[in-house]
Protein backbone atom coordinates (compact mmCIF):
# COMPACT_ATOMS: atom_id res chain seq x y z
CA UNK A 1 0.00 0.00 0.00
CA UNK A 2 1.21 3.57 -0.61
CA UNK A 3 2.56 5.43 2.36
CA UNK A 4 -0.30 7.89 2.98
CA UNK A 5 1.60 9.66 5.72
CA UNK A 6 4.51 10.33 3.36
CA UNK A 7 2.05 11.65 0.79
CA UNK A 8 0.55 14.03 3.31
CA UNK A 9 3.96 15.13 4.54
CA UNK A 10 6.27 15.34 1.51
CA UNK A 11 9.97 15.83 2.06
CA UNK A 12 10.70 19.57 1.81
CA UNK A 13 12.75 20.61 -1.18
CA UNK A 14 16.21 22.05 -0.71
CA UNK A 15 16.12 25.83 -1.21
CA UNK A 16 17.48 26.94 -4.57
CA UNK A 17 20.60 29.07 -4.30
CA UNK A 18 20.48 32.48 -5.98
CA UNK A 19 22.06 32.77 -9.42
CA UNK A 20 25.43 34.51 -9.56
CA UNK A 21 25.79 36.60 -12.71
CA UNK A 22 29.21 37.76 -13.87
CA UNK A 23 29.09 40.78 -16.21
CA UNK A 24 32.47 41.51 -17.76
CA UNK A 25 33.32 44.96 -19.09
CA UNK A 26 35.56 43.71 -21.90
CA UNK A 27 36.52 47.25 -22.94
CA UNK A 28 38.07 47.73 -19.51
CA UNK A 29 39.18 44.26 -18.36
CA UNK A 30 40.59 41.36 -20.39
CA UNK A 31 40.27 38.39 -18.00
CA UNK A 32 42.82 35.63 -18.49
CA UNK A 33 41.38 33.33 -15.82
CA UNK A 34 37.81 32.74 -17.03
CA UNK A 35 38.28 29.00 -16.57
CA UNK A 36 38.08 29.45 -12.78
CA UNK A 37 34.32 29.97 -13.21
CA UNK A 38 33.80 26.48 -14.64
CA UNK A 39 33.89 24.89 -11.17
CA UNK A 40 31.05 27.06 -9.88
CA UNK A 41 27.43 27.80 -10.92
CA UNK A 42 27.91 31.17 -12.62
CA UNK A 43 26.21 32.70 -15.62
CA UNK A 44 28.65 34.87 -17.58
CA UNK A 45 27.97 37.79 -19.90
CA UNK A 46 30.92 39.36 -21.71
CA UNK A 47 30.08 42.87 -22.96
CA UNK A 48 32.03 43.68 -26.12
CA UNK A 49 32.39 47.20 -27.50
CA UNK A 50 30.94 48.06 -30.91
CA UNK A 51 34.43 48.63 -32.34
CA UNK A 52 36.02 45.53 -30.76
CA UNK A 53 36.41 43.15 -33.68
CA UNK A 54 38.58 40.42 -32.13
CA UNK A 55 38.22 38.06 -29.18
CA UNK A 56 41.37 36.32 -27.83
CA UNK A 57 41.38 32.58 -28.44
CA UNK A 58 41.84 31.78 -24.72
CA UNK A 59 38.70 33.72 -23.83
CA UNK A 60 36.67 32.18 -26.65
CA UNK A 61 37.78 28.69 -25.61
CA UNK A 62 36.91 29.31 -21.94
CA UNK A 63 33.50 30.72 -22.91
CA UNK A 64 32.81 27.69 -25.09
CA UNK A 65 33.53 25.35 -22.16
CA UNK A 66 30.93 27.20 -20.07
CA UNK A 67 28.29 26.27 -22.65
CA UNK A 68 24.83 27.74 -22.18
CA UNK A 69 25.97 29.56 -19.03
CA UNK A 70 28.04 32.04 -21.06
CA UNK A 71 27.31 34.47 -23.87
CA UNK A 72 28.61 37.61 -25.52
CA UNK A 73 26.71 40.89 -25.67
CA UNK A 74 27.85 43.07 -28.56
CA UNK A 75 26.78 46.62 -27.76
CA UNK A 76 25.35 49.15 -30.20
CA UNK A 77 27.06 52.48 -30.76
CA UNK A 78 30.37 53.98 -29.61
CA UNK A 79 29.30 56.80 -27.30
CA UNK A 80 30.95 57.52 -23.94
CA UNK A 81 29.88 54.92 -21.36
CA UNK A 82 27.76 53.09 -23.95
CA UNK A 83 28.93 49.73 -22.64
CA UNK A 84 28.29 50.79 -19.02
CA UNK A 85 24.69 51.63 -19.91
CA UNK A 86 24.24 48.19 -21.47
CA UNK A 87 25.50 46.50 -18.31
CA UNK A 88 23.15 48.65 -16.19
CA UNK A 89 20.22 47.69 -18.44
CA UNK A 90 20.94 43.97 -18.18
CA UNK A 91 21.25 44.11 -14.41
CA UNK A 92 17.92 45.92 -14.20
CA UNK A 93 16.23 43.42 -16.49
CA UNK A 94 17.70 40.33 -14.79
CA UNK A 95 17.00 41.65 -11.29
CA UNK A 96 13.29 41.84 -12.16
CA UNK A 97 13.33 38.25 -13.41
CA UNK A 98 15.45 36.99 -10.50
CA UNK A 99 15.17 39.32 -7.47
CA UNK A 100 17.48 37.12 -5.37
CA UNK A 101 20.28 36.99 -7.95
CA UNK A 102 23.75 38.35 -7.18
CA UNK A 103 25.57 40.43 -9.79
CA UNK A 104 29.34 40.78 -10.17
CA UNK A 105 30.51 43.58 -12.47
CA UNK A 106 34.09 42.86 -13.51
CA UNK A 107 35.64 46.23 -14.31
CA UNK A 108 38.27 48.68 -13.07
CA UNK A 109 35.96 51.57 -13.99
CA UNK A 110 34.94 53.39 -10.80
CA UNK A 111 32.17 55.04 -12.80
CA UNK A 112 30.03 52.02 -11.95
CA UNK A 113 30.17 52.79 -8.22
CA UNK A 114 27.34 55.39 -8.07
CA UNK A 115 25.13 52.96 -9.99
CA UNK A 116 26.06 50.15 -7.60
CA UNK A 117 25.24 52.33 -4.59
CA UNK A 118 21.84 53.14 -6.09
CA UNK A 119 21.08 49.50 -6.89
CA UNK A 120 22.03 48.41 -3.39
CA UNK A 121 19.58 50.99 -2.08
CA UNK A 122 16.94 49.13 -4.12
CA UNK A 123 18.04 45.87 -2.43
CA UNK A 124 19.73 44.52 -5.57
CA UNK A 125 22.81 42.50 -4.65
CA UNK A 126 25.60 43.83 -6.82
CA UNK A 127 29.32 44.33 -6.45
CA UNK A 128 32.19 45.51 -8.65
CA UNK A 129 35.38 43.48 -8.69
CA UNK A 130 38.53 44.29 -10.63
CA UNK A 131 39.28 40.66 -11.34
CA UNK A 132 37.39 37.37 -11.34
CA UNK A 133 39.56 36.12 -8.49
CA UNK A 134 38.01 38.77 -6.21
CA UNK A 135 34.54 37.16 -6.41
CA UNK A 136 33.89 35.87 -2.86
CA UNK A 137 33.04 32.25 -3.75
CA UNK A 138 36.24 32.05 -5.82
CA UNK A 139 38.27 33.61 -3.01
CA UNK A 140 36.78 30.94 -0.74
CA UNK A 141 37.92 28.13 -2.99
CA UNK A 142 41.48 29.50 -3.14
CA UNK A 143 41.74 30.64 0.50
CA UNK A 144 44.81 29.16 2.16
CA UNK A 145 43.69 29.70 5.75
CA UNK A 146 40.75 30.75 7.93
CA UNK A 147 41.80 34.44 7.93
CA UNK A 148 41.49 34.59 4.13
CA UNK A 149 38.06 32.96 4.34
CA UNK A 150 36.91 35.50 6.93
CA UNK A 151 38.22 38.34 4.74
CA UNK A 152 36.21 37.01 1.78
CA UNK A 153 33.05 36.65 3.90
CA UNK A 154 33.43 40.19 5.27
CA UNK A 155 33.88 41.58 1.74
CA UNK A 156 30.73 39.79 0.62
CA UNK A 157 28.68 41.04 3.58
CA UNK A 158 29.95 44.60 3.07
CA UNK A 159 28.85 44.42 -0.55
CA UNK A 160 25.28 43.50 0.38
CA UNK A 161 24.44 46.93 1.75
CA UNK A 162 21.04 47.02 3.44
CA UNK A 163 20.22 43.46 2.33
CA UNK A 164 22.56 41.87 4.88
CA UNK A 165 21.02 39.04 6.90
CA UNK A 166 19.57 40.21 10.23
CA UNK A 167 19.25 36.87 12.01
CA UNK A 168 22.00 34.43 13.03
CA UNK A 169 20.36 31.54 11.15
CA UNK A 170 20.01 33.62 7.98
CA UNK A 171 23.63 34.76 8.32
CA UNK A 172 24.77 31.14 8.60
CA UNK A 173 22.78 30.22 5.47
CA UNK A 174 24.27 33.19 3.62
CA UNK A 175 27.80 32.15 4.57
CA UNK A 176 27.05 28.57 3.53
CA UNK A 177 26.00 29.76 0.06
CA UNK A 178 29.50 31.16 -0.50
CA UNK A 179 31.11 27.74 -0.32
CA UNK A 180 31.13 25.15 -3.09
CA UNK A 181 30.17 22.42 -0.63
CA UNK A 182 27.77 22.79 2.29
CA UNK A 183 29.43 23.21 5.66
CA UNK A 184 28.31 21.38 8.82
CA UNK A 185 26.40 23.47 11.37
CA UNK A 186 29.26 23.45 13.89
CA UNK A 187 31.68 24.88 11.30
CA UNK A 188 29.20 27.56 10.29
CA UNK A 189 28.68 28.61 13.90
CA UNK A 190 32.46 28.68 14.39
CA UNK A 191 32.67 31.17 11.51
CA UNK A 192 29.86 33.28 13.02
CA UNK A 193 31.69 33.25 16.38
CA UNK A 194 34.90 34.35 14.67
CA UNK A 195 33.04 37.27 13.08
CA UNK A 196 31.84 38.19 16.58
CA UNK A 197 35.32 37.88 18.10
CA UNK A 198 36.78 40.09 15.38
CA UNK A 199 33.95 42.59 16.09
CA UNK A 200 32.58 42.50 12.53
CA UNK A 201 29.14 41.61 13.91
CA UNK A 202 27.21 42.04 17.14
CA UNK A 203 24.63 39.39 18.10
CA UNK A 204 21.83 40.26 20.49
CA UNK A 205 19.06 37.72 21.17
CA UNK A 206 19.52 36.12 17.74
CA UNK A 207 19.60 39.45 15.90
CA UNK A 208 22.70 40.55 13.99
CA UNK A 209 24.09 44.05 13.50
CA UNK A 210 27.25 44.90 11.58
CA UNK A 211 30.48 46.84 12.01
CA UNK A 212 32.07 46.18 8.63
CA UNK A 213 34.82 48.09 6.85
CA UNK A 214 33.65 50.33 4.01
CA UNK A 215 33.63 48.37 0.78
Foldseek 3Di string as FASTA:
>chain_A
DDDVVCVVPPDDDDDDAAEEEEEEACVADQAQPLLLCQLDRHQYEYEDEQPDDDRDPSVVVSQVSSPPSYDYHYFDDDDVCRSVVVVLVVLVVVCVVGVNHAYEYAGPDCVCVVVLVVVLVVQRHYDYDPHPCLQLLNQCVVPPDVVSNLVSLLVSQLSNRPNHDFFLVVNLVVSQSSYPDGDDPVVSVVSVVVCVVVVQWDADPRTIDGDGDHD
